[in-house]
N, C-alpha and C. Protein backbone atom coordinates (compact mmCIF):
# COMPACT_ATOMS: atom_id res chain seq x y z
N UNK A 1 0.89 -1.22 0.07
CA UNK A 1 0.16 0.01 0.15
C UNK A 1 1.11 1.23 0.13
N UNK A 2 1.03 2.07 -1.05
CA UNK A 2 1.42 3.39 -1.23
C UNK A 2 1.20 4.61 -0.26
N UNK A 3 1.58 4.96 0.76
CA UNK A 3 1.65 5.52 1.65
C UNK A 3 2.38 7.00 1.60
N UNK A 4 2.86 6.87 0.51
CA UNK A 4 3.44 8.46 0.15
C UNK A 4 3.23 8.75 -1.16
N UNK A 5 3.46 9.91 -1.72
CA UNK A 5 3.56 9.81 -3.22
C UNK A 5 4.03 11.29 -3.39
N UNK A 6 4.82 11.48 -4.22
CA UNK A 6 5.22 12.75 -4.71
C UNK A 6 5.06 12.89 -6.55
N UNK A 7 4.38 14.04 -6.58
CA UNK A 7 4.56 14.65 -7.93
C UNK A 7 4.58 15.65 -8.32
N UNK A 8 4.88 16.33 -9.38
CA UNK A 8 4.96 17.81 -10.35
C UNK A 8 3.72 17.54 -10.98
N UNK A 9 3.37 19.05 -11.46
CA UNK A 9 2.62 19.62 -12.49
C UNK A 9 3.62 20.86 -12.77
N UNK A 10 3.02 21.14 -14.48
CA UNK A 10 3.20 22.04 -14.87
C UNK A 10 2.29 23.13 -14.39
N UNK A 11 2.30 24.42 -14.37
CA UNK A 11 1.33 25.49 -13.79
C UNK A 11 0.23 25.72 -15.22
N UNK A 12 -0.61 24.86 -15.26
CA UNK A 12 -1.56 24.94 -16.39
C UNK A 12 -2.43 24.21 -15.92
N UNK A 13 -3.86 24.87 -16.31
CA UNK A 13 -5.19 24.23 -15.49
C UNK A 13 -5.44 22.88 -16.00
N UNK A 14 -5.15 22.67 -17.49
CA UNK A 14 -5.66 21.00 -17.61
C UNK A 14 -4.45 20.07 -16.75
N UNK A 15 -3.70 20.63 -15.95
CA UNK A 15 -2.98 19.54 -15.57
C UNK A 15 -3.59 19.23 -14.01
N UNK A 16 -4.71 20.21 -13.82
CA UNK A 16 -5.43 20.02 -12.62
C UNK A 16 -5.99 18.86 -12.93
N UNK A 17 -6.58 18.49 -13.86
CA UNK A 17 -6.90 16.93 -14.34
C UNK A 17 -6.30 15.68 -13.90
N UNK A 18 -5.08 16.00 -14.45
CA UNK A 18 -4.05 14.62 -14.10
C UNK A 18 -3.69 14.62 -12.05
N UNK A 19 -3.60 15.84 -11.73
CA UNK A 19 -3.73 15.66 -10.24
C UNK A 19 -4.55 15.35 -9.86
N UNK A 20 -6.11 15.46 -9.83
CA UNK A 20 -7.48 15.07 -9.56
C UNK A 20 -7.16 13.39 -9.68
N UNK A 21 -7.07 12.91 -10.93
CA UNK A 21 -7.16 11.25 -11.25
C UNK A 21 -5.84 10.88 -10.39
N UNK A 22 -4.41 11.44 -10.24
CA UNK A 22 -3.76 10.39 -9.57
C UNK A 22 -4.05 10.54 -8.21
N UNK A 23 -4.85 11.66 -7.35
CA UNK A 23 -4.80 11.56 -6.15
C UNK A 23 -6.19 10.77 -6.08
N UNK A 24 -7.00 10.47 -6.94
CA UNK A 24 -8.03 9.35 -6.76
C UNK A 24 -7.55 8.19 -6.57
N UNK A 25 -6.64 7.78 -7.70
CA UNK A 25 -6.15 6.50 -7.59
C UNK A 25 -4.88 6.01 -6.50
N UNK A 26 -4.51 7.07 -5.95
CA UNK A 26 -4.22 6.99 -4.65
C UNK A 26 -4.64 6.70 -3.61
N UNK A 27 -6.09 7.58 -3.09
CA UNK A 27 -7.04 7.31 -2.32
C UNK A 27 -7.48 6.10 -2.46
N UNK A 28 -8.11 5.28 -3.82
CA UNK A 28 -8.28 4.36 -3.52
C UNK A 28 -7.99 3.04 -3.17
N UNK A 29 -6.59 2.99 -3.68
CA UNK A 29 -5.43 2.36 -3.17
C UNK A 29 -5.29 2.31 -1.66
N UNK A 30 -5.46 3.37 -1.01
CA UNK A 30 -5.30 3.38 0.19
C UNK A 30 -6.72 3.43 1.25
N UNK A 31 -7.76 2.97 0.48
CA UNK A 31 -8.98 3.00 1.04
C UNK A 31 -9.36 4.48 1.81
N UNK A 32 -9.18 5.46 1.31
CA UNK A 32 -9.50 6.59 1.95
C UNK A 32 -10.97 6.70 1.58
N UNK A 33 -11.77 7.33 2.86
CA UNK A 33 -13.54 7.52 2.07
C UNK A 33 -13.32 8.59 1.43
N UNK A 34 -14.64 8.28 1.03
CA UNK A 34 -15.48 9.40 -0.48
C UNK A 34 -15.37 10.63 0.08
N UNK A 35 -15.96 10.65 1.63
CA UNK A 35 -15.84 12.11 2.03
C UNK A 35 -14.96 12.61 2.23
N UNK A 36 -13.69 11.99 2.85
CA UNK A 36 -12.32 12.60 3.10
C UNK A 36 -11.85 12.89 1.39
N UNK A 37 -11.76 11.99 0.88
CA UNK A 37 -11.23 11.98 -0.98
C UNK A 37 -12.02 13.76 -1.59
N UNK A 38 -13.34 13.52 -1.02
CA UNK A 38 -13.70 14.83 -1.89
C UNK A 38 -13.59 16.12 -1.28
N UNK A 39 -13.49 16.09 0.01
CA UNK A 39 -12.81 17.69 0.73
C UNK A 39 -11.44 17.65 0.14
N UNK A 40 -10.67 16.83 0.45
CA UNK A 40 -9.19 17.10 -0.14
C UNK A 40 -9.19 17.62 -1.42
N UNK A 41 -10.01 16.84 -2.19
CA UNK A 41 -10.09 17.09 -3.94
C UNK A 41 -10.42 18.44 -4.03
N UNK A 42 -11.52 18.71 -3.41
CA UNK A 42 -11.88 20.17 -3.23
C UNK A 42 -11.00 21.42 -3.08
N UNK A 43 -10.04 20.96 -1.69
CA UNK A 43 -9.49 21.87 -1.75
C UNK A 43 -7.92 22.19 -2.70
N UNK A 44 -7.69 20.86 -2.73
CA UNK A 44 -6.66 20.94 -3.96
C UNK A 44 -6.96 21.84 -5.07
N UNK A 45 -7.86 21.34 -5.58
CA UNK A 45 -8.68 22.03 -6.94
C UNK A 45 -8.55 23.81 -6.88
N UNK A 46 -9.02 24.26 -5.39
CA UNK A 46 -9.42 25.36 -5.08
C UNK A 46 -7.83 26.19 -4.98
N UNK A 47 -6.88 25.47 -4.49
CA UNK A 47 -5.43 26.24 -4.25
C UNK A 47 -4.83 26.19 -5.39
N UNK A 48 -4.60 24.74 -6.48
CA UNK A 48 -4.11 24.87 -7.38
C UNK A 48 -4.59 25.77 -8.50
N UNK A 49 -5.87 25.99 -8.64
CA UNK A 49 -6.24 26.87 -9.26
C UNK A 49 -5.93 28.23 -9.09
N UNK A 50 -5.64 28.71 -7.77
CA UNK A 50 -5.72 29.82 -7.19
C UNK A 50 -3.83 30.49 -8.05
N UNK A 51 -3.37 29.51 -7.52
CA UNK A 51 -1.75 29.27 -7.91
C UNK A 51 -1.83 29.59 -9.39
N UNK A 52 -2.02 28.92 -10.55
CA UNK A 52 -2.01 29.16 -11.33
C UNK A 52 -2.77 30.43 -12.26
N UNK A 53 -3.85 30.79 -11.57
CA UNK A 53 -4.28 31.96 -12.33
C UNK A 53 -3.83 33.28 -11.43
N UNK A 54 -3.40 33.22 -10.44
CA UNK A 54 -2.96 34.40 -9.66
C UNK A 54 -1.66 34.68 -9.03
N UNK A 55 -0.90 33.63 -9.19
CA UNK A 55 0.68 33.59 -8.80
C UNK A 55 1.78 33.69 -9.54
N UNK A 56 1.39 33.61 -10.95
CA UNK A 56 2.51 33.90 -11.77
C UNK A 56 1.95 35.01 -12.87
N UNK A 57 2.94 35.72 -12.87
CA UNK A 57 3.02 37.20 -13.88
C UNK A 57 3.73 37.06 -15.26
N UNK A 58 4.19 36.02 -15.44
CA UNK A 58 4.81 35.69 -16.89
C UNK A 58 4.17 34.40 -17.51
N UNK A 59 4.90 34.16 -18.74
CA UNK A 59 4.45 33.53 -19.57
C UNK A 59 5.19 32.04 -19.54
N UNK A 60 6.22 31.95 -18.68
CA UNK A 60 6.96 31.13 -18.45
C UNK A 60 6.65 29.67 -17.94
N UNK A 61 6.79 28.35 -18.13
CA UNK A 61 5.96 27.23 -17.18
C UNK A 61 7.01 27.05 -16.16
N UNK A 62 6.22 27.24 -15.18
CA UNK A 62 6.85 26.98 -13.64
C UNK A 62 5.74 25.34 -13.04
N UNK A 63 6.88 24.87 -12.18
CA UNK A 63 6.30 23.91 -11.62
C UNK A 63 5.63 23.68 -10.51
N UNK A 64 4.79 23.00 -10.05
CA UNK A 64 4.10 22.94 -8.74
C UNK A 64 4.25 21.58 -8.50
N UNK A 65 4.70 21.37 -6.74
CA UNK A 65 5.24 19.94 -6.77
C UNK A 65 4.13 19.71 -5.45
N UNK A 66 4.05 18.44 -5.04
CA UNK A 66 3.07 17.89 -4.17
C UNK A 66 3.44 16.61 -3.30
N UNK A 67 3.65 16.48 -2.21
CA UNK A 67 3.82 15.52 -1.64
C UNK A 67 2.48 14.79 -0.41
N UNK A 68 2.25 14.00 -0.75
CA UNK A 68 1.59 13.06 -0.15
C UNK A 68 1.84 12.42 1.01
N UNK A 69 1.71 12.50 2.09
CA UNK A 69 2.21 11.53 3.11
C UNK A 69 0.73 10.74 4.14
N UNK A 70 0.68 9.47 4.03
CA UNK A 70 -0.63 9.23 4.54
C UNK A 70 -0.18 8.31 5.73
N UNK A 71 -0.71 8.80 7.11
CA UNK A 71 -0.43 7.87 8.12
C UNK A 71 -1.60 7.02 8.44
N UNK A 72 -1.66 6.59 9.77
CA UNK A 72 -3.02 5.58 10.10
C UNK A 72 -3.87 6.67 10.54
N UNK A 73 -3.84 7.98 10.89
CA UNK A 73 -4.54 8.88 11.24
C UNK A 73 -5.20 9.95 10.40
N UNK A 74 -4.15 10.38 9.54
CA UNK A 74 -4.34 11.76 8.90
C UNK A 74 -3.64 11.54 7.61
N UNK A 75 -3.87 12.49 6.74
CA UNK A 75 -3.13 12.53 5.27
C UNK A 75 -2.62 14.16 5.44
N UNK A 76 -1.70 13.99 5.15
CA UNK A 76 -0.71 15.43 4.96
C UNK A 76 -0.42 15.65 3.60
N UNK A 77 -0.66 17.03 2.98
CA UNK A 77 -0.27 17.09 1.65
C UNK A 77 0.42 18.45 1.77
N UNK A 78 1.57 18.60 1.18
CA UNK A 78 2.72 19.72 1.19
C UNK A 78 2.45 20.11 -0.52
N UNK A 79 2.38 21.39 -0.62
CA UNK A 79 2.42 22.12 -2.09
C UNK A 79 3.39 22.89 -1.99
N UNK A 80 4.30 22.83 -3.45
CA UNK A 80 5.06 23.76 -3.18
C UNK A 80 5.40 24.54 -4.46
N UNK A 81 5.22 25.81 -4.52
CA UNK A 81 5.47 26.43 -5.85
C UNK A 81 6.26 27.75 -5.61
N UNK A 82 7.06 28.48 -7.03
CA UNK A 82 7.65 29.20 -6.89
C UNK A 82 6.68 30.72 -7.42
N UNK A 83 5.42 30.54 -7.14
CA UNK A 83 4.71 31.68 -7.45
C UNK A 83 4.43 32.91 -6.53
N UNK A 84 4.42 33.93 -6.67
CA UNK A 84 4.44 35.14 -5.94
C UNK A 84 3.82 34.83 -4.04
N UNK A 85 4.58 35.67 -3.41
CA UNK A 85 4.09 35.19 -2.06
C UNK A 85 3.03 35.39 -1.66
N UNK A 86 2.25 34.29 -1.17
CA UNK A 86 0.81 34.63 -0.60
C UNK A 86 0.41 33.79 0.73
N UNK A 87 0.54 34.29 1.67
CA UNK A 87 -0.02 33.71 2.55
C UNK A 87 -1.36 33.24 2.58
N UNK A 88 -1.93 32.30 2.66
CA UNK A 88 -3.06 32.00 2.52
C UNK A 88 -3.95 32.21 4.13
N UNK A 89 -2.97 32.08 5.27
CA UNK A 89 -3.80 32.29 6.26
C UNK A 89 -4.22 33.75 6.62
N UNK A 90 -3.37 34.44 5.99
CA UNK A 90 -3.80 36.09 6.12
C UNK A 90 -4.75 36.69 5.97
N UNK A 91 -5.68 35.61 4.70
CA UNK A 91 -6.86 35.88 4.13
C UNK A 91 -7.62 36.04 5.02
N UNK A 92 -8.57 37.50 5.04
CA UNK A 92 -9.83 37.37 6.03
C UNK A 92 -10.68 36.34 5.47
N UNK A 93 -11.77 35.74 6.55
CA UNK A 93 -12.46 35.18 6.39
C UNK A 93 -13.58 36.19 6.03
N UNK A 94 -14.85 35.73 5.15
CA UNK A 94 -15.80 36.37 4.36
C UNK A 94 -16.98 36.58 5.40
N UNK A 95 -17.39 37.83 5.37
CA UNK A 95 -18.53 37.72 6.50
C UNK A 95 -19.91 36.63 5.83
N UNK A 96 -20.11 36.09 6.73
CA UNK A 96 -20.95 34.70 5.98
C UNK A 96 -22.14 35.37 6.58
N UNK A 97 -22.56 36.50 7.16
CA UNK A 97 -23.85 36.87 7.89
C UNK A 97 -25.04 37.19 6.75
N UNK A 98 -24.17 38.09 5.74
CA UNK A 98 -24.68 38.60 4.36
C UNK A 98 -25.08 37.63 3.71
N UNK A 99 -26.21 38.48 2.84
CA UNK A 99 -26.97 37.46 1.63
C UNK A 99 -25.90 37.57 0.57
N UNK A 100 -26.33 36.45 -0.25
CA UNK A 100 -25.69 36.18 -1.50
C UNK A 100 -25.47 37.66 -2.31
N UNK A 101 -26.48 38.14 -2.36
CA UNK A 101 -26.89 39.50 -3.05
C UNK A 101 -25.63 40.32 -2.39
N UNK A 102 -25.35 40.62 -1.49
CA UNK A 102 -24.46 41.54 -0.68
C UNK A 102 -22.75 40.74 -0.91
N UNK A 103 -22.46 39.78 -0.94
CA UNK A 103 -21.20 39.42 -1.17
C UNK A 103 -20.82 39.68 -2.23
N UNK A 104 -19.76 40.13 -2.56
CA UNK A 104 -18.60 40.34 -3.85
C UNK A 104 -18.46 38.73 -4.22
N UNK A 105 -18.27 39.03 -5.50
CA UNK A 105 -18.01 37.75 -6.13
C UNK A 105 -16.44 37.32 -5.95
N UNK A 106 -16.41 35.80 -5.73
CA UNK A 106 -15.14 35.46 -5.25
C UNK A 106 -14.97 35.64 -3.65
N UNK A 107 -13.90 35.16 -3.13
CA UNK A 107 -13.12 35.48 -1.79
C UNK A 107 -13.74 34.12 -0.94
N UNK A 108 -14.46 33.05 -1.42
CA UNK A 108 -14.78 31.89 -0.72
C UNK A 108 -13.82 30.56 -0.66
N UNK A 109 -13.18 30.54 -1.41
CA UNK A 109 -12.45 29.46 -1.74
C UNK A 109 -11.16 29.08 -0.68
N UNK A 110 -10.68 29.78 -0.28
CA UNK A 110 -9.52 29.84 0.60
C UNK A 110 -10.60 29.80 2.36
N UNK A 111 -11.82 30.49 2.53
CA UNK A 111 -12.57 30.32 3.41
C UNK A 111 -12.80 28.58 3.35
N UNK A 112 -13.43 28.10 2.54
CA UNK A 112 -13.84 26.70 2.22
C UNK A 112 -12.41 25.54 2.66
N UNK A 113 -11.29 26.11 1.96
CA UNK A 113 -10.09 25.11 2.46
C UNK A 113 -9.72 24.97 3.62
N UNK A 114 -9.75 26.33 4.65
CA UNK A 114 -9.32 26.38 6.10
C UNK A 114 -10.67 25.51 6.54
N UNK A 115 -12.15 25.46 6.29
CA UNK A 115 -12.77 24.55 6.52
C UNK A 115 -13.03 23.27 6.55
N UNK A 116 -12.55 22.78 5.55
CA UNK A 116 -12.66 21.28 4.98
C UNK A 116 -11.26 20.67 5.57
N UNK A 117 -10.36 20.98 6.04
CA UNK A 117 -8.95 20.95 6.65
C UNK A 117 -9.11 20.83 7.38
N UNK A 118 -8.56 19.68 8.56
CA UNK A 118 -8.16 19.88 9.89
C UNK A 118 -7.27 21.03 10.28
N UNK A 119 -6.38 21.50 9.13
CA UNK A 119 -5.36 22.18 9.94
C UNK A 119 -4.85 22.54 8.15
N UNK A 120 -4.33 23.83 8.26
CA UNK A 120 -3.54 24.69 6.88
C UNK A 120 -2.46 25.34 7.68
N UNK A 121 -1.28 25.18 6.78
CA UNK A 121 -0.13 26.06 7.47
C UNK A 121 0.32 26.33 6.49
N UNK A 122 0.99 27.65 6.22
CA UNK A 122 1.92 28.22 5.40
C UNK A 122 3.22 28.62 5.80
N UNK A 123 4.29 28.56 4.84
CA UNK A 123 5.61 29.44 5.36
C UNK A 123 6.39 29.87 3.58
N UNK A 124 6.83 30.52 3.66
CA UNK A 124 7.95 30.63 2.85
C UNK A 124 9.17 30.55 2.74
N UNK A 125 10.00 29.98 2.11
CA UNK A 125 11.22 29.50 2.13
C UNK A 125 12.01 29.45 0.92
N UNK A 126 13.25 30.20 0.93
CA UNK A 126 13.93 29.63 -0.33
C UNK A 126 13.17 29.74 -1.62
N UNK A 127 12.16 30.95 -1.42
CA UNK A 127 11.57 32.01 -2.56
C UNK A 127 10.70 31.08 -3.19
N UNK A 128 10.03 30.19 -2.05
CA UNK A 128 9.11 29.74 -2.59
C UNK A 128 8.16 29.39 -1.23
N UNK A 129 6.36 29.39 -1.93
CA UNK A 129 6.00 28.99 -1.24
C UNK A 129 5.50 27.30 -0.44
N UNK A 130 5.29 27.35 0.68
CA UNK A 130 4.80 25.98 1.30
C UNK A 130 3.61 26.04 2.16
N UNK A 131 2.77 25.33 1.29
CA UNK A 131 1.13 25.25 2.11
C UNK A 131 1.24 23.38 2.47
N UNK A 132 0.87 23.25 3.52
CA UNK A 132 0.62 22.10 4.10
C UNK A 132 -0.91 21.98 4.91
N UNK A 133 -1.36 21.18 4.09
CA UNK A 133 -2.84 20.65 4.04
C UNK A 133 -2.74 19.45 5.24
N UNK A 134 -3.65 19.50 6.11
CA UNK A 134 -3.94 18.19 7.26
C UNK A 134 -5.47 17.61 7.39
N UNK A 135 -5.51 16.65 7.20
CA UNK A 135 -6.91 16.29 6.92
C UNK A 135 -6.88 14.76 8.01
N UNK A 136 -7.23 14.69 9.00
CA UNK A 136 -7.67 13.68 10.05
C UNK A 136 -8.94 12.94 8.93
N UNK A 137 -8.24 11.62 9.30
CA UNK A 137 -9.05 10.62 8.47
C UNK A 137 -10.01 9.89 9.42
N UNK A 138 -10.47 10.17 10.91
CA UNK A 138 -11.30 10.01 11.53
C UNK A 138 -12.33 10.45 11.51
N UNK A 139 -12.92 11.82 10.96
CA UNK A 139 -13.79 12.66 11.26
C UNK A 139 -14.98 12.49 10.45
N UNK A 140 -15.54 11.49 11.24
CA UNK A 140 -16.78 10.81 10.46
C UNK A 140 -16.75 10.72 8.85
N UNK A 141 -15.79 10.25 8.89
CA UNK A 141 -15.28 9.72 7.17
C UNK A 141 -16.41 8.33 6.79
């Protein structure tokens, strides 16, 4: 049973499907529940889309790296990119008391990631963003 997985994708949107397929295969082989898999997939889709759409201001191909580590009780994912510095933990949560008509378009993705994951960490080292997602496997999966 592979409990670790490393992969890299270029910074273009069609590659998100490749990431999704590889993670699905990893999840199935490791018997990760559908609920956990769906939460992680949604978080990955959101973060990688943001990196690709907003992180780079050039047309050069960049690499986004992923490391998945599965333990008995949690899945840890590290995402490393050389995009513009952006600490997702500093993004204020949107006002969820406003009606849908009063809310600006966008801005819910990172909020969603923070709520889907058990823990989210960020650090910038060596000119790279490093986001760590932790998802407990025992949360009513």
